[in-house]
Amino acid sequence: MVQKNSRSVMGTMKESVQRTKNKYDTSKVHLSNIPPSFFDCYTDEGMTPTELSAMFGVGKRTIRKWKKTIKDDIGFQRKVEMPDEINIDELVVERVKKFERKTIRKEAEKCFPIEVLKDGPIAIAHFGDPHVDDDGTNLGLLLKHAELVANTDGMFGGNVGDVQNNWVGRLGRLYGEQSTSAVESWKLTEHFIKMVPWLYLCGGNHDAWSGAGDPLEYMIGQPTVYQNHQVRLNLIFPNKKEVRVNCRHNFKGHSQYNTAHGITKAAMLGWRDHILTAGHTHVSGYQVLKDPMTGLISHAIRCASYKTYDRYAEQLGLADQNIFECPVTIIDPQYDDNDSRLVTTVFDPFEAADYLTWKRSKK
């Protein structure tokens, strides 16, 4: 009978015991040593330890340690199945449609066609920055001009912006420097806005501070064009004559020699419009230009403000350049673009009302 080597038998027994210990090993590892992807597979009942061992390239003993660590130290399944709020295909379609809608809006904003229903001449009173709630504003004169426009046949209003101070953010402290409260400011704003038959309203920087949901949009209550920064109109008269009006709260460009410089530059270098108006700087300016290629005559007008006394202007030592705060352009559609009689600018609204009434009586 062949006798086995006792050392070999003992070795086999030790290995068997070690395998048994490994199988029921209850030691754990640190959570940081467990691959994040293993948490997703932990509760997958379809995968055996052998398959997990092959997937992660470790022994089954390590797999058991990972499972025990997760069970004891975490105690719950880490992965939670949540429905995806965003479907990429739907998101792409939505963004494409959004851009298409925005393109349609922006193209329309380039120049709004406005059909003038009245025959004969009309007038536009271009109100400079009203600032209705400021203590330094000549509110009495502003309301007289508003009443005049409302009661003069063929006269319409335009506003270059900054209807009220509308202090926001860190500037909110300036309400402490005026006697009008924020509530009273909106009351005055609404009263003024509803007095005038508006052809256009251009929101200035003070108006734009209202952000989305601008109360002015809801106060107007009449057919007109209102948007911040710039409004451009193409007036189409019954005789098919077209006159373009371009208002920005401020055209880029300044000159110490010409208060209408920014508007003049815009007319010379790009905007071939009949009437260009702006405000913002609280000074008056006027210049007439002619395009040598087409003969079109442009009137560049800077409207001053009804805010006669301005602490900020006093602080900076700015000179008083307020000559007119509500210039009026009288349009007679029977004339051509190169005729000086097509647009007549009158700096006093009362004189302009008389002149318009006389011209309309001749039709």
Protein backbone atom coordinates (compact mmCIF):
# COMPACT_ATOMS: atom_id res chain seq x y z
CA MET A 1 0.00 0.00 0.00
CA VAL A 2 1.37 3.42 -1.07
CA GLN A 3 1.58 5.93 1.80
CA LYS A 4 0.81 9.60 0.96
CA ASN A 5 3.17 12.33 1.94
CA SER A 6 1.92 13.71 5.25
CA ARG A 7 3.07 17.24 4.32
CA SER A 8 1.07 17.11 1.09
CA VAL A 9 -2.05 16.00 2.92
CA MET A 10 -1.67 18.75 5.49
CA GLY A 11 -1.25 21.34 2.74
CA THR A 12 -4.43 20.21 1.05
CA MET A 13 -6.34 20.43 4.33
CA LYS A 14 -5.07 23.96 5.03
CA GLU A 15 -6.06 25.16 1.58
CA SER A 16 -9.51 23.67 2.05
CA VAL A 17 -9.92 25.40 5.41
CA GLN A 18 -8.72 28.72 3.90
CA ARG A 19 -11.17 28.42 1.04
CA THR A 20 -13.96 27.87 3.56
CA LYS A 21 -12.85 30.96 5.53
CA ASN A 22 -12.70 33.03 2.37
CA LYS A 23 -16.18 31.94 1.39
CA TYR A 24 -17.64 33.12 4.68
CA ASP A 25 -15.27 36.06 5.22
CA THR A 26 -17.16 38.82 7.08
CA SER A 27 -14.51 41.54 6.91
CA LYS A 28 -15.25 44.80 5.09
CA VAL A 29 -13.43 47.44 3.04
CA HIS A 30 -13.57 51.25 3.02
CA LEU A 31 -16.37 52.70 0.92
CA SER A 32 -13.90 54.74 -1.11
CA ASN A 33 -12.35 51.49 -2.35
CA ILE A 34 -15.59 50.38 -3.98
CA PRO A 35 -15.98 51.46 -7.62
CA PRO A 36 -19.01 53.78 -8.05
CA SER A 37 -20.33 51.60 -10.85
CA PHE A 38 -20.58 48.66 -8.46
CA PHE A 39 -23.36 50.40 -6.52
CA ASP A 40 -25.51 50.20 -9.65
CA CYS A 41 -24.96 46.44 -9.90
CA TYR A 42 -25.40 45.66 -6.23
CA THR A 43 -29.10 44.95 -6.36
CA ASP A 44 -29.09 43.47 -9.83
CA GLU A 45 -30.38 40.01 -9.02
CA GLY A 46 -29.62 38.79 -12.51
CA MET A 47 -25.83 38.89 -11.96
CA THR A 48 -24.01 36.18 -10.03
CA PRO A 49 -20.86 36.76 -7.95
CA THR A 50 -18.90 35.01 -10.68
CA GLU A 51 -20.23 37.43 -13.28
CA LEU A 52 -19.55 40.41 -11.03
CA SER A 53 -16.05 39.12 -10.37
CA ALA A 54 -15.38 38.89 -14.09
CA MET A 55 -16.92 42.33 -14.74
CA PHE A 56 -14.81 44.19 -12.17
CA GLY A 57 -11.67 42.04 -12.45
CA VAL A 58 -11.53 41.06 -8.79
CA GLY A 59 -12.08 37.85 -6.85
CA LYS A 60 -15.42 36.71 -5.52
CA ARG A 61 -14.12 37.28 -2.02
CA THR A 62 -13.69 40.97 -2.82
CA ILE A 63 -17.19 41.06 -4.28
CA ARG A 64 -18.59 39.70 -1.01
CA LYS A 65 -16.64 42.31 0.98
CA TRP A 66 -17.99 45.10 -1.19
CA LYS A 67 -21.55 43.87 -0.75
CA LYS A 68 -21.19 43.59 3.02
CA THR A 69 -19.68 47.05 3.27
CA ILE A 70 -22.57 48.55 1.29
CA LYS A 71 -25.14 46.68 3.36
CA ASP A 72 -23.65 47.59 6.76
CA ASP A 73 -22.32 51.10 6.11
CA ILE A 74 -24.97 52.49 3.77
CA GLY A 75 -27.97 50.33 4.38
CA PHE A 76 -29.89 51.24 1.24
CA GLN A 77 -29.65 51.07 -2.51
CA ARG A 78 -27.63 54.01 -3.72
CA LYS A 79 -29.05 54.19 -7.23
CA VAL A 80 -32.56 55.63 -7.50
CA GLU A 81 -34.32 55.43 -10.82
CA MET A 82 -35.85 58.82 -11.61
CA PRO A 83 -37.68 59.79 -14.80
CA ASP A 84 -35.68 62.21 -16.94
CA GLU A 85 -37.30 65.66 -17.04
CA ILE A 86 -35.53 66.59 -20.25
CA ASN A 87 -35.83 64.67 -23.48
CA ILE A 88 -33.01 65.83 -25.73
CA ASP A 89 -35.03 65.36 -28.94
CA GLU A 90 -37.93 67.40 -27.58
CA LEU A 91 -35.50 70.01 -26.22
CA VAL A 92 -33.86 70.49 -29.62
CA VAL A 93 -37.26 70.89 -31.32
CA GLU A 94 -38.35 73.38 -28.66
CA ARG A 95 -35.21 75.51 -28.96
CA VAL A 96 -35.44 75.58 -32.77
CA LYS A 97 -39.08 76.75 -32.58
CA LYS A 98 -38.14 79.34 -29.95
CA PHE A 99 -35.49 80.80 -32.24
CA GLU A 100 -37.95 80.87 -35.15
CA ARG A 101 -40.50 82.77 -33.05
CA LYS A 102 -37.81 85.18 -31.83
CA THR A 103 -36.65 85.78 -35.40
CA ILE A 104 -40.19 86.67 -36.48
CA ARG A 105 -40.49 89.11 -33.55
CA LYS A 106 -37.10 90.73 -34.12
CA GLU A 107 -37.71 91.15 -37.84
CA ALA A 108 -41.04 92.84 -37.06
CA GLU A 109 -39.34 95.16 -34.56
CA LYS A 110 -37.02 96.53 -37.25
CA CYS A 111 -39.84 98.72 -38.56
CA PHE A 112 -43.50 98.59 -37.57
CA PRO A 113 -45.92 99.44 -40.42
CA ILE A 114 -48.58 101.87 -39.16
CA GLU A 115 -51.54 102.83 -41.34
CA VAL A 116 -52.57 106.45 -40.77
CA LEU A 117 -56.36 106.65 -41.05
CA LYS A 118 -56.61 110.44 -41.18
CA ASP A 119 -56.36 112.31 -44.46
CA GLY A 120 -54.10 115.32 -44.73
CA PRO A 121 -51.35 116.52 -42.39
CA ILE A 122 -50.77 115.07 -38.95
CA ALA A 123 -48.42 116.00 -36.12
CA ILE A 124 -46.32 114.07 -33.61
CA ALA A 125 -45.51 115.70 -30.27
CA HIS A 126 -42.29 114.08 -29.09
CA PHE A 127 -42.33 114.21 -25.28
CA GLY A 128 -38.89 114.45 -23.71
CA ASP A 129 -38.10 112.45 -20.56
CA PRO A 130 -41.15 113.14 -18.32
CA HIS A 131 -39.91 111.88 -14.91
CA VAL A 132 -43.42 112.56 -13.64
CA ASP A 133 -42.61 111.79 -10.00
CA ASP A 134 -39.50 113.92 -9.57
CA ASP A 135 -39.74 117.05 -7.40
CA GLY A 136 -37.79 118.98 -10.04
CA THR A 137 -40.21 118.11 -12.86
CA ASN A 138 -42.52 120.74 -14.33
CA LEU A 139 -45.55 118.47 -14.06
CA GLY A 140 -48.00 121.32 -14.77
CA LEU A 141 -46.42 121.99 -18.18
CA LEU A 142 -46.25 118.27 -18.97
CA LEU A 143 -49.97 117.80 -18.33
CA LYS A 144 -50.84 120.92 -20.35
CA HIS A 145 -48.95 119.51 -23.31
CA ALA A 146 -50.65 116.14 -22.84
CA GLU A 147 -54.08 117.80 -22.78
CA LEU A 148 -53.20 119.83 -25.88
CA VAL A 149 -52.27 116.71 -27.85
CA ALA A 150 -55.44 114.93 -26.75
CA ASN A 151 -57.66 117.86 -27.86
CA THR A 152 -55.98 118.72 -31.18
CA ASP A 153 -57.32 116.92 -34.23
CA GLY A 154 -54.56 115.07 -36.07
CA MET A 155 -51.99 115.39 -33.30
CA PHE A 156 -50.47 112.30 -31.68
CA GLY A 157 -47.91 111.72 -28.97
CA GLY A 158 -44.53 110.06 -28.92
CA ASN A 159 -42.40 109.47 -25.84
CA VAL A 160 -38.62 109.10 -25.89
CA GLY A 161 -38.54 107.34 -22.50
CA ASP A 162 -38.10 107.63 -18.72
CA VAL A 163 -41.72 108.28 -17.80
CA GLN A 164 -40.79 108.16 -14.10
CA ASN A 165 -37.68 107.79 -11.95
CA ASN A 166 -38.53 104.17 -11.11
CA TRP A 167 -35.62 103.86 -8.68
CA VAL A 168 -34.52 100.25 -8.19
CA GLY A 169 -31.69 98.38 -6.47
CA ARG A 170 -29.11 100.60 -4.80
CA LEU A 171 -30.82 103.63 -6.39
CA GLY A 172 -33.92 102.88 -4.32
CA ARG A 173 -32.41 105.11 -1.63
CA LEU A 174 -33.19 108.10 -3.89
CA TYR A 175 -36.87 107.78 -3.03
CA GLY A 176 -35.73 109.32 0.24
CA GLU A 177 -34.73 112.44 -1.72
CA GLN A 178 -38.13 112.97 -3.35
CA SER A 179 -41.49 113.61 -1.75
CA THR A 180 -43.33 111.23 -4.11
CA SER A 181 -43.62 107.63 -2.94
CA ALA A 182 -43.28 104.64 -5.27
CA VAL A 183 -47.05 104.08 -5.20
CA GLU A 184 -47.73 107.74 -6.02
CA SER A 185 -45.18 107.53 -8.85
CA TRP A 186 -47.14 104.77 -10.56
CA LYS A 187 -50.39 106.68 -10.04
CA LEU A 188 -48.93 109.74 -11.79
CA THR A 189 -47.48 107.56 -14.53
CA GLU A 190 -50.82 105.94 -15.28
CA HIS A 191 -52.62 109.29 -15.24
CA PHE A 192 -50.19 110.78 -17.77
CA ILE A 193 -50.04 107.72 -20.02
CA LYS A 194 -53.82 107.52 -20.34
CA MET A 195 -54.18 111.20 -21.29
CA VAL A 196 -52.39 111.03 -24.64
CA PRO A 197 -53.24 109.28 -27.94
CA TRP A 198 -49.84 107.65 -28.41
CA LEU A 199 -48.29 106.86 -31.76
CA TYR A 200 -45.26 105.34 -30.05
CA LEU A 201 -43.65 104.97 -26.63
CA CYS A 202 -39.98 104.15 -26.28
CA GLY A 203 -38.85 102.77 -22.94
CA GLY A 204 -35.78 104.48 -21.49
CA ASN A 205 -33.24 103.12 -19.04
CA HIS A 206 -35.43 104.08 -16.07
CA ASP A 207 -38.42 102.28 -17.64
CA ALA A 208 -36.37 99.19 -18.47
CA TRP A 209 -35.48 98.82 -14.78
CA SER A 210 -38.98 97.37 -14.28
CA GLY A 211 -37.76 94.21 -16.00
CA ALA A 212 -40.21 91.54 -17.16
CA GLY A 213 -43.87 92.33 -16.57
CA ASP A 214 -43.43 96.08 -17.11
CA PRO A 215 -46.57 97.81 -15.69
CA LEU A 216 -46.45 100.36 -18.52
CA GLU A 217 -47.51 97.67 -20.99
CA TYR A 218 -50.77 97.24 -19.08
CA MET A 219 -51.35 100.94 -18.44
CA ILE A 220 -51.31 102.07 -22.06
CA GLY A 221 -54.69 100.55 -22.91
CA GLN A 222 -54.71 101.72 -26.55
CA PRO A 223 -53.33 100.62 -29.93
CA THR A 224 -49.72 101.82 -30.07
CA VAL A 225 -46.15 100.57 -30.24
CA TYR A 226 -44.18 100.31 -27.01
CA GLN A 227 -40.82 98.69 -26.48
CA ASN A 228 -37.62 99.49 -24.63
CA HIS A 229 -34.62 101.26 -26.15
CA GLN A 230 -35.87 101.79 -29.72
CA VAL A 231 -39.07 102.11 -31.74
CA ARG A 232 -39.06 102.49 -35.52
CA LEU A 233 -42.26 103.12 -37.47
CA ASN A 234 -43.22 103.33 -41.12
CA LEU A 235 -46.27 105.60 -41.35
CA ILE A 236 -48.41 104.74 -44.37
CA PHE A 237 -50.80 107.55 -45.30
CA PRO A 238 -54.07 107.17 -47.22
CA ASN A 239 -52.37 108.53 -50.36
CA LYS A 240 -49.72 105.75 -49.98
CA LYS A 241 -47.00 108.18 -48.93
CA GLU A 242 -44.62 106.58 -46.41
CA VAL A 243 -42.74 108.45 -43.66
CA ARG A 244 -40.38 106.70 -41.26
CA VAL A 245 -40.00 107.71 -37.63
CA ASN A 246 -37.07 106.33 -35.64
CA CYS A 247 -36.87 106.88 -31.88
CA ARG A 248 -34.16 105.66 -29.56
CA HIS A 249 -33.86 106.65 -25.94
CA ASN A 250 -30.32 107.56 -26.93
CA PHE A 251 -28.29 107.23 -30.12
CA LYS A 252 -24.63 106.43 -29.59
CA GLY A 253 -22.23 109.35 -29.90
CA HIS A 254 -21.57 112.63 -28.08
CA SER A 255 -20.04 115.98 -29.00
CA GLN A 256 -19.44 119.09 -26.93
CA TYR A 257 -20.17 121.12 -30.05
CA ASN A 258 -23.47 119.52 -31.09
CA THR A 259 -26.09 118.20 -28.67
CA ALA A 260 -27.78 116.32 -31.53
CA HIS A 261 -24.53 114.64 -32.59
CA GLY A 262 -25.46 111.01 -31.85
CA ILE A 263 -28.75 111.30 -33.75
CA THR A 264 -27.10 113.16 -36.62
CA LYS A 265 -24.42 110.49 -36.91
CA ALA A 266 -27.10 107.78 -37.02
CA ALA A 267 -28.87 109.58 -39.88
CA MET A 268 -25.63 110.09 -41.79
CA LEU A 269 -24.15 106.63 -41.35
CA GLY A 270 -27.08 104.26 -41.44
CA TRP A 271 -30.66 105.22 -40.67
CA ARG A 272 -32.29 106.76 -43.73
CA ASP A 273 -35.39 107.92 -41.89
CA HIS A 274 -37.39 111.13 -42.11
CA ILE A 275 -37.59 111.79 -38.36
CA LEU A 276 -35.10 110.61 -35.74
CA THR A 277 -35.65 111.45 -32.07
CA ALA A 278 -33.91 110.75 -28.76
CA GLY A 279 -33.79 112.00 -25.19
CA HIS A 280 -31.84 110.71 -22.17
CA THR A 281 -29.34 113.56 -21.77
CA HIS A 282 -31.98 116.20 -20.80
CA VAL A 283 -30.71 118.67 -23.38
CA SER A 284 -32.20 119.99 -26.64
CA GLY A 285 -30.65 119.58 -30.07
CA TYR A 286 -31.73 119.80 -33.70
CA GLN A 287 -30.12 119.28 -37.07
CA VAL A 288 -31.46 118.81 -40.61
CA LEU A 289 -29.61 116.60 -43.08
CA LYS A 290 -30.03 115.59 -46.70
CA ASP A 291 -28.94 112.31 -48.23
CA PRO A 292 -27.20 113.33 -51.49
CA MET A 293 -27.93 109.96 -53.11
CA THR A 294 -31.71 109.89 -52.61
CA GLY A 295 -32.54 113.47 -51.66
CA LEU A 296 -34.26 112.30 -48.46
CA ILE A 297 -34.35 114.98 -45.78
CA SER A 298 -33.85 113.79 -42.18
CA HIS A 299 -34.72 115.71 -39.04
CA ALA A 300 -32.47 114.77 -36.10
CA ILE A 301 -34.07 115.90 -32.84
CA ARG A 302 -32.84 115.65 -29.25
CA CYS A 303 -35.68 116.27 -26.80
CA ALA A 304 -34.86 117.75 -23.40
CA SER A 305 -36.63 116.72 -20.21
CA TYR A 306 -39.50 118.10 -18.16
CA LYS A 307 -37.15 117.57 -15.21
CA THR A 308 -36.13 121.20 -14.96
CA TYR A 309 -34.15 120.99 -11.72
CA ASP A 310 -31.80 118.02 -11.54
CA ARG A 311 -29.53 117.33 -8.56
CA TYR A 312 -27.36 115.03 -10.67
CA ALA A 313 -26.79 117.76 -13.29
CA GLU A 314 -25.93 120.23 -10.52
CA GLN A 315 -23.50 117.72 -9.01
CA LEU A 316 -21.66 117.31 -12.35
CA GLY A 317 -21.85 121.00 -13.23
CA LEU A 318 -23.77 120.34 -16.46
CA ALA A 319 -24.88 123.47 -18.35
CA ASP A 320 -28.57 124.18 -18.92
CA GLN A 321 -29.27 123.26 -22.56
CA ASN A 322 -33.04 122.82 -22.23
CA ILE A 323 -34.53 124.80 -25.13
CA PHE A 324 -37.55 122.60 -25.86
CA GLU A 325 -38.88 119.52 -24.11
CA CYS A 326 -41.67 118.66 -26.54
CA PRO A 327 -40.83 119.46 -30.18
CA VAL A 328 -43.55 118.71 -32.73
CA THR A 329 -43.04 117.37 -36.25
CA ILE A 330 -45.85 118.20 -38.67
CA ILE A 331 -46.04 115.80 -41.62
CA ASP A 332 -47.77 116.78 -44.84
CA PRO A 333 -47.94 113.60 -46.96
CA GLN A 334 -48.59 115.41 -50.25
CA TYR A 335 -44.89 116.28 -50.57
CA ASP A 336 -41.87 114.20 -51.65
CA ASP A 337 -38.93 113.07 -49.53
CA ASN A 338 -36.70 115.85 -50.89
CA ASP A 339 -39.24 118.61 -50.22
CA SER A 340 -38.71 120.67 -47.05
CA ARG A 341 -42.48 120.92 -46.63
CA LEU A 342 -42.90 117.18 -46.01
CA VAL A 343 -41.78 117.56 -42.38
CA THR A 344 -41.90 120.83 -40.45
CA THR A 345 -40.43 120.97 -36.94
CA VAL A 346 -41.97 123.37 -34.44
CA PHE A 347 -40.42 123.62 -30.99
CA ASP A 348 -43.48 124.90 -29.12
CA PRO A 349 -46.47 122.50 -28.95
CA PHE A 350 -49.06 125.31 -28.76
CA GLU A 351 -47.68 127.01 -31.87
CA ALA A 352 -47.55 123.62 -33.57
CA ALA A 353 -51.20 122.90 -32.71
CA ASP A 354 -52.28 126.19 -34.29
CA TYR A 355 -50.19 125.52 -37.40
CA LEU A 356 -51.53 121.97 -37.74
CA THR A 357 -55.13 123.14 -37.35
CA TRP A 358 -54.59 125.73 -40.06
CA LYS A 359 -53.00 123.21 -42.45
CA ARG A 360 -55.76 120.65 -41.89
CA SER A 361 -58.40 123.32 -42.56
CA LYS A 362 -56.91 123.77 -46.06
CA LYS A 363 -57.32 120.14 -47.18
